[in-house]
Amino acid sequence: MTVSPDVQAETPQIRYHSRVAIFESGEHTLLGDSIKLQLPSGTVLAGKHPMMMAPPWETVDQLPMTFGHIVALAGDFYGTPDQPICTAADPKVQFIKCYDTLRNSPKVEVSELLKFINDEVAALNKALKEGKQPSSIYDGGVWDTFKTTKELERITKGRYLKLALHNLDHFGHEAVKAYAAGRLCTNAGLNGLPLSPDGLILRAQ
């Protein structure tokens, strides 16, 4: 699929579909960790290679995470539900604002979420090792979706379900515009272009 660099926002025409499947945080993490990342230097890293966020996190105690963790956290746990990227006057600016909700979030909260996600990944890997489908751990399996939703609501102080309810950038028909804005911001950051006062950077450790 080719994504046009033109990401000018339009009012999305939302299409509703029956929900037939879910894709949980641990599955996001496994997928993100399975890819390979090529850095501007040409170095290729596994998605599970520890990364760290741009300042302010790298100027204090480090909170390393993998690319899979970032895939899992973005959108599901961090974002601007009342101001979608795909409907913004400048999607790139709004993408940075969404990114900053993660980058500027309390480290205690992110640490709790990472522990939660890592426990879920461990359960998924156990199911795979036993020859089961990863989805078997959910809804009646060892990973109770109702209980975990209550826990995630507690950790995020109610933001988790609000994002799920209003997240056009994740579930909306025009979500591709959010993806395109993110690609443009990422490419600009890799080329050293200024994107915000602090920059938009992920650095490999």
Protein backbone atom coordinates (compact mmCIF):
# COMPACT_ATOMS: atom_id res chain seq x y z
CA MET A 1 0.00 0.00 0.00
CA THR A 2 1.32 3.45 -0.91
CA VAL A 3 0.51 6.28 1.46
CA SER A 4 0.38 9.75 -0.01
CA PRO A 5 2.47 12.36 1.84
CA ASP A 6 -0.52 14.63 1.63
CA VAL A 7 -2.15 14.16 5.00
CA GLN A 8 -4.45 17.17 5.01
CA ALA A 9 -7.30 16.41 7.36
CA GLU A 10 -10.86 15.86 6.25
CA THR A 11 -13.90 15.10 8.35
CA PRO A 12 -13.92 11.30 8.57
CA GLN A 13 -16.91 9.32 7.41
CA ILE A 14 -17.10 6.71 10.17
CA ARG A 15 -18.21 3.21 9.19
CA TYR A 16 -19.35 0.86 11.91
CA HIS A 17 -18.67 -2.86 11.71
CA SER A 18 -19.51 -5.76 13.96
CA ARG A 19 -16.65 -6.55 16.29
CA VAL A 20 -15.39 -10.02 15.40
CA ALA A 21 -11.93 -10.04 16.98
CA ILE A 22 -9.72 -8.26 19.46
CA PHE A 23 -6.02 -7.51 19.38
CA GLU A 24 -4.64 -7.08 22.88
CA SER A 25 -1.55 -5.32 24.22
CA GLY A 26 0.57 -8.45 24.46
CA GLU A 27 -0.20 -9.32 20.84
CA HIS A 28 0.80 -5.79 19.77
CA THR A 29 4.07 -6.27 21.66
CA LEU A 30 4.85 -9.67 20.14
CA LEU A 31 4.23 -8.28 16.65
CA GLY A 32 6.34 -5.15 17.20
CA ASP A 33 9.18 -7.14 18.74
CA SER A 34 9.27 -9.53 15.79
CA ILE A 35 10.21 -6.94 13.15
CA LYS A 36 13.62 -5.51 12.26
CA LEU A 37 14.43 -1.79 12.56
CA GLN A 38 16.95 -0.11 10.27
CA LEU A 39 18.63 2.96 11.76
CA PRO A 40 19.91 5.90 9.67
CA SER A 41 23.45 4.53 10.15
CA GLY A 42 22.38 1.34 8.38
CA THR A 43 22.47 -0.70 11.57
CA VAL A 44 19.64 -3.23 11.77
CA LEU A 45 18.16 -4.02 15.17
CA ALA A 46 15.51 -6.47 16.29
CA GLY A 47 12.26 -4.88 17.40
CA LYS A 48 12.84 -6.36 20.86
CA HIS A 49 16.12 -4.46 21.24
CA PRO A 50 15.84 -2.09 24.25
CA MET A 51 15.00 1.47 23.22
CA MET A 52 14.65 4.65 25.22
CA MET A 53 12.48 7.67 24.73
CA ALA A 54 13.75 11.14 23.89
CA PRO A 55 14.18 13.74 26.66
CA PRO A 56 13.04 14.19 29.37
CA TRP A 57 13.29 10.46 30.08
CA GLU A 58 16.88 10.03 28.95
CA THR A 59 18.08 12.83 31.21
CA VAL A 60 16.87 11.04 34.35
CA ASP A 61 16.55 7.38 35.30
CA GLN A 62 16.23 5.38 32.10
CA LEU A 63 13.03 3.56 31.29
CA PRO A 64 14.00 1.30 28.38
CA MET A 65 11.32 -0.42 26.36
CA THR A 66 11.15 -2.34 23.11
CA PHE A 67 9.57 -1.24 19.84
CA GLY A 68 6.80 -3.72 20.61
CA HIS A 69 6.11 -1.95 23.90
CA ILE A 70 5.80 1.36 22.09
CA VAL A 71 3.39 -0.16 19.56
CA ALA A 72 1.30 -1.50 22.44
CA LEU A 73 1.30 1.75 24.44
CA ALA A 74 0.60 4.14 21.57
CA GLY A 75 -3.09 4.60 20.86
CA ASP A 76 -4.39 2.07 23.40
CA PHE A 77 -3.00 3.91 26.44
CA TYR A 78 -1.72 7.27 25.22
CA GLY A 79 -3.14 9.81 22.80
CA THR A 80 -5.59 12.70 22.54
CA PRO A 81 -9.05 11.12 22.23
CA ASP A 82 -10.83 14.49 21.96
CA GLN A 83 -8.41 15.72 19.27
CA PRO A 84 -7.76 12.97 16.72
CA ILE A 85 -4.74 13.18 14.43
CA CYS A 86 -6.80 12.27 11.38
CA THR A 87 -9.17 15.26 11.76
CA ALA A 88 -6.58 17.87 12.83
CA ALA A 89 -5.82 20.95 10.73
CA ASP A 90 -2.17 19.86 10.86
CA PRO A 91 -1.98 16.08 11.45
CA LYS A 92 1.80 16.16 11.95
CA VAL A 93 1.53 18.66 14.82
CA GLN A 94 -1.24 16.59 16.40
CA PHE A 95 0.82 13.41 16.00
CA ILE A 96 3.60 15.01 18.06
CA LYS A 97 1.08 16.03 20.73
CA CYS A 98 -0.11 12.41 20.91
CA TYR A 99 3.48 11.16 21.08
CA ASP A 100 4.19 13.61 23.88
CA THR A 101 1.37 12.17 26.02
CA LEU A 102 3.52 9.04 26.28
CA ARG A 103 6.88 10.79 26.41
CA ASN A 104 5.75 13.16 29.19
CA SER A 105 3.70 10.63 31.15
CA PRO A 106 4.57 9.72 34.75
CA LYS A 107 7.22 7.02 34.76
CA VAL A 108 5.43 5.20 37.59
CA GLU A 109 2.38 4.81 35.36
CA VAL A 110 4.39 3.62 32.36
CA SER A 111 6.28 1.16 34.56
CA GLU A 112 3.00 -0.32 35.77
CA LEU A 113 1.75 -0.64 32.20
CA LEU A 114 4.99 -2.28 31.06
CA LYS A 115 4.77 -4.82 33.89
CA PHE A 116 1.18 -5.55 32.91
CA ILE A 117 2.14 -5.98 29.24
CA ASN A 118 5.16 -8.15 30.07
CA ASP A 119 2.99 -10.47 32.18
CA GLU A 120 0.58 -10.75 29.27
CA VAL A 121 3.43 -11.49 26.83
CA ALA A 122 4.67 -14.23 29.18
CA ALA A 123 1.21 -15.83 29.12
CA LEU A 124 1.11 -15.58 25.31
CA ASN A 125 4.55 -17.18 24.96
CA LYS A 126 3.49 -19.98 27.31
CA ALA A 127 0.43 -20.66 25.15
CA LEU A 128 2.58 -20.72 22.00
CA LYS A 129 5.06 -23.09 23.64
CA GLU A 130 2.17 -25.43 24.46
CA GLY A 131 1.01 -25.36 20.85
CA LYS A 132 -2.07 -23.25 21.54
CA GLN A 133 -3.42 -20.20 19.74
CA PRO A 134 -2.33 -16.96 21.46
CA SER A 135 -5.94 -15.83 21.61
CA SER A 136 -6.72 -18.83 23.83
CA ILE A 137 -5.50 -16.94 26.91
CA TYR A 138 -8.28 -14.34 26.60
CA ASP A 139 -11.98 -14.48 27.50
CA GLY A 140 -12.15 -17.53 29.69
CA GLY A 141 -8.46 -18.37 29.54
CA VAL A 142 -5.74 -17.39 31.99
CA TRP A 143 -6.04 -13.71 31.00
CA ASP A 144 -9.47 -12.45 32.08
CA THR A 145 -10.30 -9.50 29.81
CA PHE A 146 -12.90 -8.05 32.21
CA LYS A 147 -10.49 -8.04 35.16
CA THR A 148 -7.60 -6.69 33.12
CA THR A 149 -9.75 -3.86 31.76
CA LYS A 150 -10.57 -2.81 35.34
CA GLU A 151 -6.85 -2.88 36.18
CA LEU A 152 -5.92 -0.80 33.13
CA GLU A 153 -8.63 1.72 33.99
CA ARG A 154 -7.10 2.00 37.46
CA ILE A 155 -3.55 2.49 36.16
CA THR A 156 -4.56 5.10 33.56
CA LYS A 157 -7.12 6.82 35.81
CA GLY A 158 -9.95 6.19 33.36
CA ARG A 159 -8.09 7.13 30.17
CA TYR A 160 -7.97 3.57 28.80
CA LEU A 161 -11.68 3.21 28.00
CA LYS A 162 -11.99 6.84 26.93
CA LEU A 163 -9.32 6.21 24.29
CA ALA A 164 -11.05 3.00 23.22
CA LEU A 165 -14.38 4.83 22.85
CA HIS A 166 -13.09 7.86 20.92
CA ASN A 167 -9.95 6.61 19.19
CA LEU A 168 -10.61 7.51 15.53
CA ASP A 169 -6.87 7.35 14.88
CA HIS A 170 -6.90 3.68 15.78
CA PHE A 171 -10.29 2.46 14.63
CA GLY A 172 -11.73 5.15 12.37
CA HIS A 173 -12.10 4.92 8.60
CA GLU A 174 -9.56 7.75 8.16
CA ALA A 175 -6.96 6.21 10.51
CA VAL A 176 -4.53 5.92 7.58
CA LYS A 177 -4.06 9.71 7.84
CA ALA A 178 -2.73 9.27 11.37
CA TYR A 179 -0.32 6.63 10.07
CA ALA A 180 0.81 8.91 7.24
CA ALA A 181 1.41 11.81 9.67
CA GLY A 182 3.46 9.51 11.89
CA ARG A 183 5.58 8.36 8.98
CA LEU A 184 6.29 11.95 7.95
CA CYS A 185 7.24 12.92 11.51
CA THR A 186 9.45 9.87 11.93
CA ASN A 187 11.23 10.48 8.63
CA ALA A 188 11.78 14.13 9.55
CA GLY A 189 13.16 13.13 12.96
CA LEU A 190 15.56 10.62 11.45
CA ASN A 191 16.86 13.31 9.13
CA GLY A 192 17.51 15.66 12.03
CA LEU A 193 14.72 18.11 11.25
CA PRO A 194 13.20 20.00 14.20
CA LEU A 195 9.72 18.77 15.05
CA SER A 196 9.07 20.20 18.50
CA PRO A 197 11.03 22.02 21.18
CA ASP A 198 12.34 18.69 22.48
CA GLY A 199 12.38 16.73 19.22
CA LEU A 200 10.74 13.47 18.26
CA ILE A 201 13.36 10.80 18.72
CA LEU A 202 13.68 7.16 19.64
CA ARG A 203 17.25 6.09 20.27
CA ALA A 204 18.69 2.61 20.46
CA GLN A 205 20.68 1.82 23.57
